[in-house]
């Protein structure tokens, strides 16, 4: 009986781990999020992002739809990037993953647990904090830091969305001429 029960239990545990979609492991969630980003699949990336990240991802998606760039060539360039992921540092319901692009640009990304699953925090406040930390690391002056903070404070989600929509209207009108 024990000989049959042990392999059956192992199979059930493996099946449960496979079905979790990486939600129990911050590093695998970060990988899935950034791999979707590399292919410019914002909808797929959103599956691995916090609910608070929706507005930022929606604005990025809107911006990409207006961008006058060759998306195929951009996808090819992004596909060439080598992304390395550090080990997750977990502190309760928050985690940090170091992400390094092409061996030189390292950034710590935050993840949060939502409804029992790890999600990448890609919301305005988290990205602003990450950006400010990067500026400090690169030796930005106090004045530069203050200017960046003021600029971000002025950009509420609604005003940024309005700017993106206006930019889209301008691009659409230019296409018609």
Protein backbone atom coordinates (compact mmCIF):
# COMPACT_ATOMS: atom_id res chain seq x y z
CA UNK A 1 0.00 0.00 0.00
CA UNK A 2 2.82 2.43 0.90
CA UNK A 3 4.57 1.65 -2.40
CA UNK A 4 1.48 2.76 -4.31
CA UNK A 5 0.59 5.75 -2.14
CA UNK A 6 3.99 7.48 -2.26
CA UNK A 7 4.26 7.71 -6.10
CA UNK A 8 0.59 8.76 -6.31
CA UNK A 9 1.19 11.52 -3.75
CA UNK A 10 4.28 12.70 -5.70
CA UNK A 11 2.26 12.86 -8.95
CA UNK A 12 -0.50 14.87 -7.26
CA UNK A 13 2.05 17.32 -5.81
CA UNK A 14 3.72 17.79 -9.22
CA UNK A 15 0.35 18.35 -10.88
CA UNK A 16 -0.60 20.97 -8.30
CA UNK A 17 2.73 22.74 -8.77
CA UNK A 18 2.29 22.75 -12.55
CA UNK A 19 -1.23 24.17 -12.29
CA UNK A 20 -0.17 27.01 -10.03
CA UNK A 21 1.28 28.85 -13.06
CA UNK A 22 4.23 30.01 -11.00
CA UNK A 23 2.02 32.02 -8.64
CA UNK A 24 3.84 30.50 -5.67
CA UNK A 25 7.28 31.57 -6.89
CA UNK A 26 8.08 35.30 -7.36
CA UNK A 27 11.01 34.58 -9.69
CA UNK A 28 8.92 32.54 -12.15
CA UNK A 29 6.21 35.22 -12.12
CA UNK A 30 8.79 37.93 -12.88
CA UNK A 31 10.16 35.82 -15.74
CA UNK A 32 6.72 35.35 -17.27
CA UNK A 33 5.95 39.06 -16.90
CA UNK A 34 9.16 40.23 -18.60
CA UNK A 35 9.05 37.55 -21.31
CA UNK A 36 5.58 38.83 -22.23
CA UNK A 37 6.97 42.37 -22.21
CA UNK A 38 9.79 41.36 -24.56
CA UNK A 39 7.22 40.22 -27.11
CA UNK A 40 5.18 43.38 -26.51
CA UNK A 41 2.23 41.29 -25.28
CA UNK A 42 0.89 43.68 -22.66
CA UNK A 43 -2.27 41.62 -22.13
CA UNK A 44 -0.15 38.59 -21.23
CA UNK A 45 2.12 40.67 -18.99
CA UNK A 46 -0.97 42.00 -17.19
CA UNK A 47 -1.79 38.45 -16.04
CA UNK A 48 1.34 38.60 -13.87
CA UNK A 49 0.91 42.17 -12.61
CA UNK A 50 -0.92 43.60 -9.61
CA UNK A 51 -4.39 45.07 -10.01
CA UNK A 52 -2.87 48.52 -9.33
CA UNK A 53 -0.67 48.02 -12.41
CA UNK A 54 -3.62 47.89 -14.81
CA UNK A 55 -3.72 51.63 -15.44
CA UNK A 56 0.01 51.84 -16.22
CA UNK A 57 -0.14 48.80 -18.51
CA UNK A 58 -3.23 50.17 -20.28
CA UNK A 59 -1.39 53.45 -20.91
CA UNK A 60 1.63 51.58 -22.25
CA UNK A 61 -0.60 49.55 -24.54
CA UNK A 62 -2.26 52.74 -25.77
CA UNK A 63 1.12 54.39 -26.32
CA UNK A 64 2.36 51.40 -28.28
CA UNK A 65 -0.68 51.56 -30.53
CA UNK A 66 0.16 55.18 -31.38
CA UNK A 67 3.91 54.71 -31.70
CA UNK A 68 5.15 55.39 -35.23
CA UNK A 69 7.82 52.69 -34.93
CA UNK A 70 8.19 49.44 -36.75
CA UNK A 71 6.90 47.04 -34.09
CA UNK A 72 8.41 44.01 -35.79
CA UNK A 73 11.92 45.46 -35.70
CA UNK A 74 11.40 46.55 -32.09
CA UNK A 75 10.26 43.02 -31.18
CA UNK A 76 13.36 41.61 -32.88
CA UNK A 77 15.62 43.95 -30.90
CA UNK A 78 13.87 43.11 -27.67
CA UNK A 79 14.10 39.39 -28.40
CA UNK A 80 17.89 39.75 -28.57
CA UNK A 81 18.05 41.09 -25.02
CA UNK A 82 19.40 38.70 -22.44
CA UNK A 83 17.53 39.02 -19.17
CA UNK A 84 18.92 37.52 -15.98
CA UNK A 85 16.90 37.17 -12.80
CA UNK A 86 18.32 37.17 -9.29
CA UNK A 87 16.88 35.14 -6.47
CA UNK A 88 13.76 36.46 -4.80
CA UNK A 89 14.14 38.21 -1.48
CA UNK A 90 10.82 37.62 0.26
CA UNK A 91 9.59 39.73 3.15
CA UNK A 92 6.07 38.67 4.08
CA UNK A 93 3.70 39.52 1.23
CA UNK A 94 6.35 41.46 -0.69
CA UNK A 95 9.34 40.27 -2.69
CA UNK A 96 12.17 41.86 -4.65
CA UNK A 97 13.79 40.40 -7.77
CA UNK A 98 16.92 41.85 -9.34
CA UNK A 99 16.54 41.95 -13.13
CA UNK A 100 19.63 42.53 -15.26
CA UNK A 101 19.38 43.30 -18.98
CA UNK A 102 22.33 42.42 -21.21
CA UNK A 103 24.61 42.04 -18.20
CA UNK A 104 24.77 45.74 -17.40
CA UNK A 105 21.53 47.40 -16.34
CA UNK A 106 20.33 45.93 -13.03
CA UNK A 107 17.03 47.00 -11.51
CA UNK A 108 15.20 45.66 -8.47
CA UNK A 109 11.53 44.99 -9.17
CA UNK A 110 8.89 44.61 -6.49
CA UNK A 111 6.31 41.86 -6.37
CA UNK A 112 3.31 41.66 -4.06
CA UNK A 113 1.01 38.85 -3.07
CA UNK A 114 -2.55 39.34 -4.27
CA UNK A 115 -5.16 36.75 -3.45
CA UNK A 116 -2.40 34.28 -2.60
CA UNK A 117 -0.47 34.73 -5.88
CA UNK A 118 2.72 36.69 -6.55
CA UNK A 119 2.28 39.63 -8.94
CA UNK A 120 4.73 42.19 -10.34
CA UNK A 121 4.05 45.70 -8.99
CA UNK A 122 4.12 47.83 -12.15
CA UNK A 123 2.02 50.72 -10.87
CA UNK A 124 2.96 54.41 -11.00
CA UNK A 125 4.01 54.69 -7.34
CA UNK A 126 6.19 51.59 -7.37
CA UNK A 127 7.82 52.54 -10.68
CA UNK A 128 8.42 56.07 -9.42
CA UNK A 129 10.12 54.75 -6.29
CA UNK A 130 12.25 52.38 -8.40
CA UNK A 131 13.18 55.23 -10.76
CA UNK A 132 14.16 57.50 -7.88
CA UNK A 133 16.36 54.75 -6.42
CA UNK A 134 18.06 54.32 -9.82
CA UNK A 135 18.63 58.09 -10.06
CA UNK A 136 20.25 58.07 -6.62
CA UNK A 137 22.48 55.15 -7.59
CA UNK A 138 23.62 57.04 -10.68
CA UNK A 139 24.45 60.14 -8.62
CA UNK A 140 21.57 62.44 -9.55
CA UNK A 141 21.62 65.80 -7.81
CA UNK A 142 19.01 66.79 -5.26
CA UNK A 143 17.61 69.27 -7.79
CA UNK A 144 17.24 66.54 -10.45
CA UNK A 145 15.53 64.29 -7.92
CA UNK A 146 13.14 67.06 -6.92
CA UNK A 147 12.34 67.89 -10.56
CA UNK A 148 11.60 64.22 -11.31
CA UNK A 149 9.35 63.99 -8.24
CA UNK A 150 7.44 67.14 -9.25
CA UNK A 151 6.97 65.87 -12.80
CA UNK A 152 5.58 62.56 -11.59
CA UNK A 153 3.34 64.23 -9.02
CA UNK A 154 1.80 66.38 -11.78
CA UNK A 155 0.99 63.30 -13.84
CA UNK A 156 -2.10 61.76 -12.38
CA UNK A 157 -3.39 58.70 -14.17
CA UNK A 158 -6.18 60.73 -15.78
CA UNK A 159 -3.90 63.52 -17.04
CA UNK A 160 -1.43 61.02 -18.49
CA UNK A 161 -4.26 59.16 -20.19
CA UNK A 162 -5.54 62.43 -21.63
CA UNK A 163 -2.08 63.31 -22.99
CA UNK A 164 -1.82 59.85 -24.60
CA UNK A 165 -5.27 60.22 -26.19
CA UNK A 166 -4.41 63.68 -27.52
CA UNK A 167 -1.15 62.35 -28.95
CA UNK A 168 -3.11 59.59 -30.63
CA UNK A 169 -5.52 62.13 -32.14
CA UNK A 170 -2.60 64.14 -33.52
CA UNK A 171 -0.98 61.04 -35.03
CA UNK A 172 -4.30 59.96 -36.55
CA UNK A 173 -4.81 63.37 -38.11
CA UNK A 174 -1.28 63.26 -39.57
CA UNK A 175 -1.99 59.88 -41.18
CA UNK A 176 -5.03 61.32 -42.98
CA UNK A 177 -3.03 64.08 -44.69
